[in-house]
Amino acid sequence: MASRDQVKASHILIKHQGSRRKASWKDPEGKIILTTTREAAVEQLKSIREDIVSGKANFEEVATRVSDCSSAKRGGDLGPFGRGQMQKPFEEATYALKVGDISDIVDTDSGVHIIKRTA
């Protein structure tokens, strides 16, 4: 369980042409990532977020299928983390959420994310 100064979160990451690393567990050669614009990644995540918030989709199930992060194998679960352990925009967005809330689109050097705070 997360300690008092830590949070716990899951996320869905969509990488794009501007992402720091142009490969992922589901696209090891980066062929899809290299052709995905940031705008297309954002649109994909907006649609996913709407489906989750409206109850049409389950966050963890979608993360397992579509997230470019290796945490997809755990439904997007990143486990507990404290300040200074994640990229600043990701950290700030996570700490601003209440447990159970899902963020708007968050941009980092890794790509675009939606984050669900779990603890």
PDB file of N, CA and C in Angstrom:
ATOM      1  N   MET A   1       0.849  -1.190   0.000  1.00  0.00           N
ATOM      2  CA  MET A   1       0.000   0.000   0.000  1.00  0.00           C
ATOM      3  C   MET A   1       0.887   1.244   0.000  1.00  0.00           C
ATOM      4  N   ALA A   2       0.400   2.297  -0.616  1.00  0.00           N
ATOM      5  CA  ALA A   2       1.168   3.533  -0.698  1.00  0.00           C
ATOM      6  C   ALA A   2       1.284   4.171   0.687  1.00  0.00           C
ATOM      7  N   SER A   3       2.459   4.674   0.997  1.00  0.00           N
ATOM      8  CA  SER A   3       2.614   5.383   2.267  1.00  0.00           C
ATOM      9  C   SER A   3       2.041   6.785   2.122  1.00  0.00           C
ATOM     10  N   ARG A   4       2.053   7.542   3.209  1.00  0.00           N
ATOM     11  CA  ARG A   4       1.382   8.847   3.228  1.00  0.00           C
ATOM     12  C   ARG A   4       1.876   9.807   2.152  1.00  0.00           C
ATOM     13  N   ASP A   5       3.173   9.784   1.859  1.00  0.00           N
ATOM     14  CA  ASP A   5       3.712  10.727   0.880  1.00  0.00           C
ATOM     15  C   ASP A   5       3.780  10.130  -0.520  1.00  0.00           C
ATOM     16  N   GLN A   6       3.199   8.963  -0.702  1.00  0.00           N
ATOM     17  CA  GLN A   6       3.197   8.326  -2.007  1.00  0.00           C
ATOM     18  C   GLN A   6       1.776   8.226  -2.553  1.00  0.00           C
ATOM     19  N   VAL A   7       1.701   8.071  -3.849  1.00  0.00           N
ATOM     20  CA  VAL A   7       0.431   7.811  -4.516  1.00  0.00           C
ATOM     21  C   VAL A   7       0.584   6.493  -5.261  1.00  0.00           C
ATOM     22  N   LYS A   8      -0.531   5.956  -5.700  1.00  0.00           N
ATOM     23  CA  LYS A   8      -0.505   4.763  -6.529  1.00  0.00           C
ATOM     24  C   LYS A   8      -1.387   5.061  -7.727  1.00  0.00           C
ATOM     25  N   ALA A   9      -0.929   4.679  -8.911  1.00  0.00           N
ATOM     26  CA  ALA A   9      -1.682   5.014 -10.108  1.00  0.00           C
ATOM     27  C   ALA A   9      -1.493   3.964 -11.193  1.00  0.00           C
ATOM     28  N   SER A  10      -2.464   3.968 -12.093  1.00  0.00           N
ATOM     29  CA  SER A  10      -2.380   3.200 -13.331  1.00  0.00           C
ATOM     30  C   SER A  10      -2.463   4.210 -14.468  1.00  0.00           C
ATOM     31  N   HIS A  11      -1.957   3.818 -15.634  1.00  0.00           N
ATOM     32  CA  HIS A  11      -2.049   4.746 -16.757  1.00  0.00           C
ATOM     33  C   HIS A  11      -2.169   3.992 -18.067  1.00  0.00           C
ATOM     34  N   ILE A  12      -2.584   4.737 -19.072  1.00  0.00           N
ATOM     35  CA  ILE A  12      -2.577   4.259 -20.447  1.00  0.00           C
ATOM     36  C   ILE A  12      -1.700   5.242 -21.203  1.00  0.00           C
ATOM     37  N   LEU A  13      -0.664   4.726 -21.827  1.00  0.00           N
ATOM     38  CA  LEU A  13       0.299   5.534 -22.578  1.00  0.00           C
ATOM     39  C   LEU A  13       0.143   5.255 -24.063  1.00  0.00           C
ATOM     40  N   ILE A  14       0.044   6.315 -24.851  1.00  0.00           N
ATOM     41  CA  ILE A  14       0.105   6.191 -26.299  1.00  0.00           C
ATOM     42  C   ILE A  14       1.333   6.972 -26.753  1.00  0.00           C
ATOM     43  N   LYS A  15       2.276   6.251 -27.360  1.00  0.00           N
ATOM     44  CA  LYS A  15       3.480   6.906 -27.876  1.00  0.00           C
ATOM     45  C   LYS A  15       3.200   7.467 -29.266  1.00  0.00           C
ATOM     46  N   HIS A  16       4.016   8.449 -29.646  1.00  0.00           N
ATOM     47  CA  HIS A  16       3.868   9.094 -30.956  1.00  0.00           C
ATOM     48  C   HIS A  16       5.248   9.493 -31.471  1.00  0.00           C
ATOM     49  N   GLN A  17       5.275  10.102 -32.651  1.00  0.00           N
ATOM     50  CA  GLN A  17       6.536  10.471 -33.313  1.00  0.00           C
ATOM     51  C   GLN A  17       7.462  11.286 -32.416  1.00  0.00           C
ATOM     52  N   GLY A  18       6.908  12.098 -31.527  1.00  0.00           N
ATOM     53  CA  GLY A  18       7.713  12.950 -30.660  1.00  0.00           C
ATOM     54  C   GLY A  18       8.130  12.293 -29.360  1.00  0.00           C
ATOM     55  N   SER A  19       7.749  11.054 -29.156  1.00  0.00           N
ATOM     56  CA  SER A  19       8.080  10.368 -27.899  1.00  0.00           C
ATOM     57  C   SER A  19       9.574  10.107 -27.799  1.00  0.00           C
ATOM     58  N   ARG A  20      10.048  10.105 -26.580  1.00  0.00           N
ATOM     59  CA  ARG A  20      11.469   9.912 -26.289  1.00  0.00           C
ATOM     60  C   ARG A  20      11.972   8.580 -26.850  1.00  0.00           C
ATOM     61  N   ARG A  21      11.264   7.494 -26.569  1.00  0.00           N
ATOM     62  CA  ARG A  21      11.631   6.184 -27.108  1.00  0.00           C
ATOM     63  C   ARG A  21      10.600   5.789 -28.153  1.00  0.00           C
ATOM     64  N   LYS A  22      11.073   5.426 -29.325  1.00  0.00           N
ATOM     65  CA  LYS A  22      10.175   5.142 -30.452  1.00  0.00           C
ATOM     66  C   LYS A  22       9.882   3.652 -30.582  1.00  0.00           C
ATOM     67  N   ALA A  23       9.801   2.951 -29.457  1.00  0.00           N
ATOM     68  CA  ALA A  23       9.470   1.527 -29.472  1.00  0.00           C
ATOM     69  C   ALA A  23       8.702   1.213 -28.203  1.00  0.00           C
ATOM     70  N   SER A  24       7.971   0.111 -28.234  1.00  0.00           N
ATOM     71  CA  SER A  24       7.252  -0.332 -27.046  1.00  0.00           C
ATOM     72  C   SER A  24       7.113  -1.842 -27.101  1.00  0.00           C
ATOM     73  N   TRP A  25       6.574  -2.410 -26.028  1.00  0.00           N
ATOM     74  CA  TRP A  25       6.402  -3.861 -25.970  1.00  0.00           C
ATOM     75  C   TRP A  25       5.512  -4.364 -27.100  1.00  0.00           C
ATOM     76  N   LYS A  26       4.538  -3.554 -27.527  1.00  0.00           N
ATOM     77  CA  LYS A  26       3.636  -4.012 -28.587  1.00  0.00           C
ATOM     78  C   LYS A  26       4.060  -3.533 -29.972  1.00  0.00           C
ATOM     79  N   ASP A  27       5.033  -2.664 -30.033  1.00  0.00           N
ATOM     80  CA  ASP A  27       5.558  -2.141 -31.302  1.00  0.00           C
ATOM     81  C   ASP A  27       7.081  -2.056 -31.192  1.00  0.00           C
ATOM     82  N   PRO A  28       7.749  -3.224 -31.069  1.00  0.00           N
ATOM     83  CA  PRO A  28       9.192  -3.234 -30.772  1.00  0.00           C
ATOM     84  C   PRO A  28      10.066  -2.526 -31.807  1.00  0.00           C
ATOM     85  N   GLU A  29       9.603  -2.470 -33.042  1.00  0.00           N
ATOM     86  CA  GLU A  29      10.395  -1.776 -34.070  1.00  0.00           C
ATOM     87  C   GLU A  29       9.935  -0.335 -34.273  1.00  0.00           C
ATOM     88  N   GLY A  30       8.883   0.055 -33.573  1.00  0.00           N
ATOM     89  CA  GLY A  30       8.413   1.441 -33.629  1.00  0.00           C
ATOM     90  C   GLY A  30       7.705   1.827 -34.919  1.00  0.00           C
ATOM     91  N   LYS A  31       7.272   0.855 -35.688  1.00  0.00           N
ATOM     92  CA  LYS A  31       6.650   1.170 -36.990  1.00  0.00           C
ATOM     93  C   LYS A  31       5.361   1.974 -36.831  1.00  0.00           C
ATOM     94  N   ILE A  32       4.536   1.616 -35.856  1.00  0.00           N
ATOM     95  CA  ILE A  32       3.288   2.353 -35.628  1.00  0.00           C
ATOM     96  C   ILE A  32       3.581   3.690 -34.958  1.00  0.00           C
ATOM     97  N   ILE A  33       4.469   3.665 -33.973  1.00  0.00           N
ATOM     98  CA  ILE A  33       4.808   4.890 -33.233  1.00  0.00           C
ATOM     99  C   ILE A  33       5.353   5.961 -34.174  1.00  0.00           C
ATOM    100  N   LEU A  34       6.231   5.572 -35.091  1.00  0.00           N
ATOM    101  CA  LEU A  34       6.841   6.540 -36.009  1.00  0.00           C
ATOM    102  C   LEU A  34       5.838   7.176 -36.963  1.00  0.00           C
ATOM    103  N   THR A  35       4.689   6.527 -37.172  1.00  0.00           N
ATOM    104  CA  THR A  35       3.684   7.099 -38.072  1.00  0.00           C
ATOM    105  C   THR A  35       2.518   7.734 -37.307  1.00  0.00           C
ATOM    106  N   THR A  36       2.566   7.695 -35.984  1.00  0.00           N
ATOM    107  CA  THR A  36       1.494   8.269 -35.167  1.00  0.00           C
ATOM    108  C   THR A  36       1.855   9.698 -34.775  1.00  0.00           C
ATOM    109  N   THR A  37       1.016  10.645 -35.161  1.00  0.00           N
ATOM    110  CA  THR A  37       1.247  12.034 -34.753  1.00  0.00           C
ATOM    111  C   THR A  37       0.783  12.210 -33.306  1.00  0.00           C
ATOM    112  N   ARG A  38       1.255  13.252 -32.672  1.00  0.00           N
ATOM    113  CA  ARG A  38       0.802  13.551 -31.317  1.00  0.00           C
ATOM    114  C   ARG A  38      -0.709  13.772 -31.325  1.00  0.00           C
ATOM    115  N   GLU A  39      -1.186  14.485 -32.338  1.00  0.00           N
ATOM    116  CA  GLU A  39      -2.621  14.778 -32.428  1.00  0.00           C
ATOM    117  C   GLU A  39      -3.442  13.490 -32.527  1.00  0.00           C
ATOM    118  N   ALA A  40      -2.972  12.527 -33.310  1.00  0.00           N
ATOM    119  CA  ALA A  40      -3.686  11.253 -33.444  1.00  0.00           C
ATOM    120  C   ALA A  40      -3.678  10.492 -32.119  1.00  0.00           C
ATOM    121  N   ALA A  41      -2.551  10.533 -31.417  1.00  0.00           N
ATOM    122  CA  ALA A  41      -2.451   9.862 -30.114  1.00  0.00           C
ATOM    123  C   ALA A  41      -3.419  10.498 -29.120  1.00  0.00           C
ATOM    124  N   VAL A  42      -3.502  11.823 -29.122  1.00  0.00           N
ATOM    125  CA  VAL A  42      -4.414  12.537 -28.224  1.00  0.00           C
ATOM    126  C   VAL A  42      -5.858  12.176 -28.550  1.00  0.00           C
ATOM    127  N   GLU A  43      -6.216  12.156 -29.829  1.00  0.00           N
ATOM    128  CA  GLU A  43      -7.585  11.805 -30.228  1.00  0.00           C
ATOM    129  C   GLU A  43      -7.938  10.386 -29.793  1.00  0.00           C
ATOM    130  N   GLN A  44      -6.991   9.460 -29.952  1.00  0.00           N
ATOM    131  CA  GLN A  44      -7.224   8.076 -29.533  1.00  0.00           C
ATOM    132  C   GLN A  44      -7.485   8.020 -28.026  1.00  0.00           C
ATOM    133  N   LEU A  45      -6.657   8.728 -27.255  1.00  0.00           N
ATOM    134  CA  LEU A  45      -6.826   8.718 -25.802  1.00  0.00           C
ATOM    135  C   LEU A  45      -8.119   9.409 -25.361  1.00  0.00           C
ATOM    136  N   LYS A  46      -8.497  10.487 -26.041  1.00  0.00           N
ATOM    137  CA  LYS A  46      -9.750  11.170 -25.697  1.00  0.00           C
ATOM    138  C   LYS A  46     -10.919  10.206 -25.854  1.00  0.00           C
ATOM    139  N   SER A  47     -10.923   9.450 -26.938  1.00  0.00           N
ATOM    140  CA  SER A  47     -11.987   8.485 -27.196  1.00  0.00           C
ATOM    141  C   SER A  47     -11.987   7.380 -26.137  1.00  0.00           C
ATOM    142  N   ILE A  48     -10.796   6.892 -25.801  1.00  0.00           N
ATOM    143  CA  ILE A  48     -10.666   5.854 -24.769  1.00  0.00           C
ATOM    144  C   ILE A  48     -11.179   6.389 -23.428  1.00  0.00           C
ATOM    145  N   ARG A  49     -10.778   7.612 -23.084  1.00  0.00           N
ATOM    146  CA  ARG A  49     -11.196   8.211 -21.807  1.00  0.00           C
ATOM    147  C   ARG A  49     -12.711   8.334 -21.743  1.00  0.00           C
ATOM    148  N   GLU A  50     -13.323   8.801 -22.838  1.00  0.00           N
ATOM    149  CA  GLU A  50     -14.784   8.928 -22.869  1.00  0.00           C
ATOM    150  C   GLU A  50     -15.452   7.581 -22.620  1.00  0.00           C
ATOM    151  N   ASP A  51     -14.944   6.530 -23.272  1.00  0.00           N
ATOM    152  CA  ASP A  51     -15.513   5.187 -23.090  1.00  0.00           C
ATOM    153  C   ASP A  51     -15.387   4.710 -21.645  1.00  0.00           C
ATOM    154  N   ILE A  52     -14.254   5.010 -21.013  1.00  0.00           N
ATOM    155  CA  ILE A  52     -14.039   4.580 -19.626  1.00  0.00           C
ATOM    156  C   ILE A  52     -14.945   5.370 -18.677  1.00  0.00           C
ATOM    157  N   VAL A  53     -14.958   6.683 -18.825  1.00  0.00           N
ATOM    158  CA  VAL A  53     -15.752   7.534 -17.934  1.00  0.00           C
ATOM    159  C   VAL A  53     -17.249   7.232 -18.070  1.00  0.00           C
ATOM    160  N   SER A  54     -17.698   6.905 -19.287  1.00  0.00           N
ATOM    161  CA  SER A  54     -19.122   6.621 -19.514  1.00  0.00           C
ATOM    162  C   SER A  54     -19.506   5.203 -19.110  1.00  0.00           C
ATOM    163  N   GLY A  55     -18.504   4.382 -18.771  1.00  0.00           N
ATOM    164  CA  GLY A  55     -18.802   3.020 -18.347  1.00  0.00           C
ATOM    165  C   GLY A  55     -18.820   2.000 -19.477  1.00  0.00           C
ATOM    166  N   LYS A  56     -18.526   2.437 -20.702  1.00  0.00           N
ATOM    167  CA  LYS A  56     -18.515   1.514 -21.845  1.00  0.00           C
ATOM    168  C   LYS A  56     -17.276   0.622 -21.840  1.00  0.00           C
ATOM    169  N   ALA A  57     -16.226   1.062 -21.143  1.00  0.00           N
ATOM    170  CA  ALA A  57     -14.968   0.310 -21.134  1.00  0.00           C
ATOM    171  C   ALA A  57     -14.377   0.306 -19.731  1.00  0.00           C
ATOM    172  N   ASN A  58     -13.556  -0.688 -19.459  1.00  0.00           N
ATOM    173  CA  ASN A  58     -12.873  -0.847 -18.178  1.00  0.00           C
ATOM    174  C   ASN A  58     -11.428  -0.376 -18.334  1.00  0.00           C
ATOM    175  N   PHE A  59     -10.987   0.512 -17.440  1.00  0.00           N
ATOM    176  CA  PHE A  59      -9.650   1.108 -17.541  1.00  0.00           C
ATOM    177  C   PHE A  59      -8.569   0.034 -17.669  1.00  0.00           C
ATOM    178  N   GLU A  60      -8.568  -0.921 -16.748  1.00  0.00           N
ATOM    179  CA  GLU A  60      -7.508  -1.925 -16.709  1.00  0.00           C
ATOM    180  C   GLU A  60      -7.509  -2.786 -17.968  1.00  0.00           C
ATOM    181  N   GLU A  61      -8.697  -3.143 -18.449  1.00  0.00           N
ATOM    182  CA  GLU A  61      -8.799  -3.971 -19.651  1.00  0.00           C
ATOM    183  C   GLU A  61      -8.266  -3.216 -20.867  1.00  0.00           C
ATOM    184  N   VAL A  62      -8.635  -1.932 -20.981  1.00  0.00           N
ATOM    185  CA  VAL A  62      -8.159  -1.124 -22.103  1.00  0.00           C
ATOM    186  C   VAL A  62      -6.642  -0.944 -22.016  1.00  0.00           C
ATOM    187  N   ALA A  63      -6.144  -0.684 -20.816  1.00  0.00           N
ATOM    188  CA  ALA A  63      -4.697  -0.528 -20.638  1.00  0.00           C
ATOM    189  C   ALA A  63      -3.951  -1.774 -21.111  1.00  0.00           C
ATOM    190  N   THR A  64      -4.474  -2.935 -20.765  1.00  0.00           N
ATOM    191  CA  THR A  64      -3.843  -4.198 -21.150  1.00  0.00           C
ATOM    192  C   THR A  64      -3.744  -4.325 -22.672  1.00  0.00           C
ATOM    193  N   ARG A  65      -4.759  -3.833 -23.360  1.00  0.00           N
ATOM    194  CA  ARG A  65      -4.801  -3.953 -24.821  1.00  0.00           C
ATOM    195  C   ARG A  65      -4.035  -2.869 -25.555  1.00  0.00           C
ATOM    196  N   VAL A  66      -4.102  -1.615 -25.088  1.00  0.00           N
ATOM    197  CA  VAL A  66      -3.616  -0.521 -25.934  1.00  0.00           C
ATOM    198  C   VAL A  66      -2.415   0.263 -25.410  1.00  0.00           C
ATOM    199  N   SER A  67      -2.109   0.172 -24.123  1.00  0.00           N
ATOM    200  CA  SER A  67      -1.026   1.001 -23.589  1.00  0.00           C
ATOM    201  C   SER A  67       0.330   0.586 -24.152  1.00  0.00           C
ATOM    202  N   ASP A  68       1.146   1.588 -24.485  1.00  0.00           N
ATOM    203  CA  ASP A  68       2.502   1.332 -24.975  1.00  0.00           C
ATOM    204  C   ASP A  68       3.492   1.093 -23.845  1.00  0.00           C
ATOM    205  N   CYS A  69       3.061   1.229 -22.604  1.00  0.00           N
ATOM    206  CA  CYS A  69       3.937   0.995 -21.452  1.00  0.00           C
ATOM    207  C   CYS A  69       3.913  -0.486 -21.088  1.00  0.00           C
ATOM    208  N   SER A  70       5.024  -0.996 -20.610  1.00  0.00           N
ATOM    209  CA  SER A  70       5.067  -2.406 -20.188  1.00  0.00           C
ATOM    210  C   SER A  70       4.148  -2.664 -18.998  1.00  0.00           C
ATOM    211  N   SER A  71       3.703  -1.603 -18.315  1.00  0.00           N
ATOM    212  CA  SER A  71       2.741  -1.776 -17.222  1.00  0.00           C
ATOM    213  C   SER A  71       1.399  -2.288 -17.743  1.00  0.00           C
ATOM    214  N   ALA A  72       1.216  -2.302 -19.054  1.00  0.00           N
ATOM    215  CA  ALA A  72      -0.022  -2.833 -19.648  1.00  0.00           C
ATOM    216  C   ALA A  72      -0.291  -4.253 -19.168  1.00  0.00           C
ATOM    217  N   LYS A  73       0.774  -5.007 -18.960  1.00  0.00           N
ATOM    218  CA  LYS A  73       0.629  -6.396 -18.502  1.00  0.00           C
ATOM    219  C   LYS A  73      -0.021  -6.469 -17.120  1.00  0.00           C
ATOM    220  N   ARG A  74      -0.019  -5.349 -16.395  1.00  0.00           N
ATOM    221  CA  ARG A  74      -0.643  -5.269 -15.060  1.00  0.00           C
ATOM    222  C   ARG A  74      -1.859  -4.344 -15.092  1.00  0.00           C
ATOM    223  N   GLY A  75      -2.477  -4.198 -16.243  1.00  0.00           N
ATOM    224  CA  GLY A  75      -3.638  -3.314 -16.359  1.00  0.00           C
ATOM    225  C   GLY A  75      -3.271  -1.849 -16.225  1.00  0.00           C
ATOM    226  N   GLY A  76      -2.014  -1.536 -16.490  1.00  0.00           N
ATOM    227  CA  GLY A  76      -1.538  -0.150 -16.394  1.00  0.00           C
ATOM    228  C   GLY A  76      -1.000   0.231 -15.027  1.00  0.00           C
ATOM    229  N   ASP A  77      -1.037  -0.705 -14.074  1.00  0.00           N
ATOM    230  CA  ASP A  77      -0.640  -0.412 -12.692  1.00  0.00           C
ATOM    231  C   ASP A  77       0.853  -0.101 -12.591  1.00  0.00           C
ATOM    232  N   LEU A  78       1.154   1.087 -12.081  1.00  0.00           N
ATOM    233  CA  LEU A  78       2.546   1.512 -11.877  1.00  0.00           C
ATOM    234  C   LEU A  78       3.017   1.272 -10.454  1.00  0.00           C
ATOM    235  N   GLY A  79       2.081   0.886  -9.569  1.00  0.00           N
ATOM    236  CA  GLY A  79       2.442   0.709  -8.171  1.00  0.00           C
ATOM    237  C   GLY A  79       2.611   2.052  -7.492  1.00  0.00           C
ATOM    238  N   PRO A  80       3.071   2.028  -6.226  1.00  0.00           N
ATOM    239  CA  PRO A  80       3.234   3.282  -5.488  1.00  0.00           C
ATOM    240  C   PRO A  80       4.496   4.032  -5.916  1.00  0.00           C
ATOM    241  N   PHE A  81       4.411   5.350  -5.899  1.00  0.00           N
ATOM    242  CA  PHE A  81       5.587   6.180  -6.171  1.00  0.00           C
ATOM    243  C   PHE A  81       5.458   7.496  -5.428  1.00  0.00           C
ATOM    244  N   GLY A  82       6.607   8.101  -5.190  1.00  0.00           N
ATOM    245  CA  GLY A  82       6.649   9.372  -4.483  1.00  0.00           C
ATOM    246  C   GLY A  82       7.064  10.497  -5.406  1.00  0.00           C
ATOM    247  N   ARG A  83       7.163  11.669  -4.827  1.00  0.00           N
ATOM    248  CA  ARG A  83       7.577  12.843  -5.607  1.00  0.00           C
ATOM    249  C   ARG A  83       9.011  12.658  -6.103  1.00  0.00           C
ATOM    250  N   GLY A  84       9.236  13.103  -7.339  1.00  0.00           N
ATOM    251  CA  GLY A  84      10.567  13.028  -7.930  1.00  0.00           C
ATOM    252  C   GLY A  84      10.860  11.709  -8.639  1.00  0.00           C
ATOM    253  N   GLN A  85       9.908  10.783  -8.654  1.00  0.00           N
ATOM    254  CA  GLN A  85      10.148   9.485  -9.282  1.00  0.00           C
ATOM    255  C   GLN A  85       9.606   9.393 -10.707  1.00  0.00           C
ATOM    256  N   MET A  86       8.690  10.275 -11.054  1.00  0.00           N
ATOM    257  CA  MET A  86       8.084  10.275 -12.386  1.00  0.00           C
ATOM    258  C   MET A  86       8.384  11.616 -13.057  1.00  0.00           C
ATOM    259  N   GLN A  87       8.152  11.671 -14.372  1.00  0.00           N
ATOM    260  CA  GLN A  87       8.306  12.946 -15.058  1.00  0.00           C
ATOM    261  C   GLN A  87       7.338  13.954 -14.433  1.00  0.00           C
ATOM    262  N   LYS A  88       7.788  15.200 -14.327  1.00  0.00           N
ATOM    263  CA  LYS A  88       7.053  16.236 -13.596  1.00  0.00           C
ATOM    264  C   LYS A  88       5.577  16.360 -13.995  1.00  0.00           C
ATOM    265  N   PRO A  89       5.237  16.441 -15.285  1.00  0.00           N
ATOM    266  CA  PRO A  89       3.812  16.585 -15.629  1.00  0.00           C
ATOM    267  C   PRO A  89       2.976  15.389 -15.154  1.00  0.00           C
ATOM    268  N   PHE A  90       3.553  14.188 -15.214  1.00  0.00           N
ATOM    269  CA  PHE A  90       2.863  12.974 -14.782  1.00  0.00           C
ATOM    270  C   PHE A  90       2.654  13.016 -13.277  1.00  0.00           C
ATOM    271  N   GLU A  91       3.709  13.368 -12.560  1.00  0.00           N
ATOM    272  CA  GLU A  91       3.632  13.458 -11.102  1.00  0.00           C
ATOM    273  C   GLU A  91       2.584  14.483 -10.668  1.00  0.00           C
ATOM    274  N   GLU A  92       2.641  15.667 -11.247  1.00  0.00           N
ATOM    275  CA  GLU A  92       1.715  16.728 -10.856  1.00  0.00           C
ATOM    276  C   GLU A  92       0.268  16.331 -11.123  1.00  0.00           C
ATOM    277  N   ALA A  93       0.023  15.714 -12.270  1.00  0.00           N
ATOM    278  CA  ALA A  93      -1.344  15.290 -12.611  1.00  0.00           C
ATOM    279  C   ALA A  93      -1.831  14.225 -11.637  1.00  0.00           C
ATOM    280  N   THR A  94      -0.961  13.274 -11.301  1.00  0.00           N
ATOM    281  CA  THR A  94      -1.363  12.187 -10.401  1.00  0.00           C
ATOM    282  C   THR A  94      -1.679  12.710  -9.008  1.00  0.00           C
ATOM    283  N   TYR A  95      -0.807  13.549  -8.465  1.00  0.00           N
ATOM    284  CA  TYR A  95      -1.031  14.083  -7.124  1.00  0.00           C
ATOM    285  C   TYR A  95      -2.271  14.977  -7.067  1.00  0.00           C
ATOM    286  N   ALA A  96      -2.672  15.570  -8.199  1.00  0.00           N
ATOM    287  CA  ALA A  96      -3.845  16.448  -8.226  1.00  0.00           C
ATOM    288  C   ALA A  96      -5.157  15.657  -8.261  1.00  0.00           C
ATOM    289  N   LEU A  97      -5.081  14.377  -8.606  1.00  0.00           N
ATOM    290  CA  LEU A  97      -6.290  13.555  -8.693  1.00  0.00           C
ATOM    291  C   LEU A  97      -6.714  13.049  -7.320  1.00  0.00           C
ATOM    292  N   LYS A  98      -8.014  12.815  -7.177  1.00  0.00           N
ATOM    293  CA  LYS A  98      -8.525  12.088  -6.017  1.00  0.00           C
ATOM    294  C   LYS A  98      -8.508  10.608  -6.382  1.00  0.00           C
ATOM    295  N   VAL A  99      -8.455   9.734  -5.384  1.00  0.00           N
ATOM    296  CA  VAL A  99      -8.465   8.300  -5.631  1.00  0.00           C
ATOM    297  C   VAL A  99      -9.721   7.943  -6.438  1.00  0.00           C
ATOM    298  N   GLY A 100      -9.507   7.212  -7.523  1.00  0.00           N
ATOM    299  CA  GLY A 100     -10.600   6.812  -8.401  1.00  0.00           C
ATOM    300  C   GLY A 100     -10.803   7.721  -9.596  1.00  0.00           C
ATOM    301  N   ASP A 101     -10.234   8.935  -9.547  1.00  0.00           N
ATOM    302  CA  ASP A 101     -10.378   9.873 -10.661  1.00  0.00           C
ATOM    303  C   ASP A 101      -9.463   9.508 -11.820  1.00  0.00           C
ATOM    304  N   ILE A 102      -9.879   9.927 -13.008  1.00  0.00           N
ATOM    305  CA  ILE A 102      -9.089   9.724 -14.225  1.00  0.00           C
ATOM    306  C   ILE A 102      -8.739  11.094 -14.780  1.00  0.00           C
ATOM    307  N   SER A 103      -7.474  11.275 -15.105  1.00  0.00           N
ATOM    308  CA  SER A 103      -6.987  12.569 -15.574  1.00  0.00           C
ATOM    309  C   SER A 103      -7.458  12.877 -16.987  1.00  0.00           C
ATOM    310  N   ASP A 104      -7.296  14.138 -17.349  1.00  0.00           N
ATOM    311  CA  ASP A 104      -7.384  14.519 -18.749  1.00  0.00           C
ATOM    312  C   ASP A 104      -6.083  14.044 -19.395  1.00  0.00           C
ATOM    313  N   ILE A 105      -5.855  14.415 -20.632  1.00  0.00           N
ATOM    314  CA  ILE A 105      -4.634  14.017 -21.344  1.00  0.00           C
ATOM    315  C   ILE A 105      -3.427  14.678 -20.678  1.00  0.00           C
ATOM    316  N   VAL A 106      -2.393  13.892 -20.412  1.00  0.00           N
ATOM    317  CA  VAL A 106      -1.155  14.390 -19.806  1.00  0.00           C
ATOM    318  C   VAL A 106      -0.010  14.122 -20.782  1.00  0.00           C
ATOM    319  N   ASP A 107       0.709  15.190 -21.123  1.00  0.00           N
ATOM    320  CA  ASP A 107       1.846  15.098 -22.038  1.00  0.00           C
ATOM    321  C   ASP A 107       3.147  14.929 -21.275  1.00  0.00           C
ATOM    322  N   THR A 108       3.961  13.940 -21.649  1.00  0.00           N
ATOM    323  CA  THR A 108       5.320  13.818 -21.111  1.00  0.00           C
ATOM    324  C   THR A 108       6.263  13.496 -22.259  1.00  0.00           C
ATOM    325  N   ASP A 109       7.539  13.395 -21.957  1.00  0.00           N
ATOM    326  CA  ASP A 109       8.521  13.007 -22.977  1.00  0.00           C
ATOM    327  C   ASP A 109       8.268  11.594 -23.488  1.00  0.00           C
ATOM    328  N   SER A 110       7.537  10.791 -22.732  1.00  0.00           N
ATOM    329  CA  SER A 110       7.256   9.409 -23.130  1.00  0.00           C
ATOM    330  C   SER A 110       6.106   9.310 -24.128  1.00  0.00           C
ATOM    331  N   GLY A 111       5.205  10.284 -24.120  1.00  0.00           N
ATOM    332  CA  GLY A 111       4.026  10.263 -24.974  1.00  0.00           C
ATOM    333  C   GLY A 111       2.866  10.935 -24.270  1.00  0.00           C
ATOM    334  N   VAL A 112       1.649  10.516 -24.615  1.00  0.00           N
ATOM    335  CA  VAL A 112       0.468  11.074 -23.962  1.00  0.00           C
ATOM    336  C   VAL A 112      -0.191   9.987 -23.124  1.00  0.00           C
ATOM    337  N   HIS A 113      -0.727  10.389 -21.987  1.00  0.00           N
ATOM    338  CA  HIS A 113      -1.268   9.445 -21.007  1.00  0.00           C
ATOM    339  C   HIS A 113      -2.645   9.893 -20.544  1.00  0.00           C
ATOM    340  N   ILE A 114      -3.414   8.913 -20.044  1.00  0.00           N
ATOM    341  CA  ILE A 114      -4.472   9.193 -19.080  1.00  0.00           C
ATOM    342  C   ILE A 114      -4.088   8.396 -17.840  1.00  0.00           C
ATOM    343  N   ILE A 115      -4.351   8.984 -16.695  1.00  0.00           N
ATOM    344  CA  ILE A 115      -3.906   8.412 -15.421  1.00  0.00           C
ATOM    345  C   ILE A 115      -5.118   8.181 -14.537  1.00  0.00           C
ATOM    346  N   LYS A 116      -5.132   7.037 -13.883  1.00  0.00           N
ATOM    347  CA  LYS A 116      -6.156   6.735 -12.873  1.00  0.00           C
ATOM    348  C   LYS A 116      -5.444   6.596 -11.550  1.00  0.00           C
ATOM    349  N   ARG A 117      -5.796   7.464 -10.602  1.00  0.00           N
ATOM    350  CA  ARG A 117      -5.194   7.362  -9.274  1.00  0.00           C
ATOM    351  C   ARG A 117      -5.907   6.253  -8.506  1.00  0.00           C
ATOM    352  N   THR A 118      -5.133   5.333  -7.982  1.00  0.00           N
ATOM    353  CA  THR A 118      -5.723   4.167  -7.299  1.00  0.00           C
ATOM    354  C   THR A 118      -5.487   4.165  -5.795  1.00  0.00           C
ATOM    355  N   ALA A 119      -4.609   4.999  -5.287  1.00  0.00           N
ATOM    356  CA  ALA A 119      -4.399   5.114  -3.839  1.00  0.00           C
ATOM    357  C   ALA A 119      -3.636   6.403  -3.542  1.00  0.00           C
TER     358      ALA A 119
END
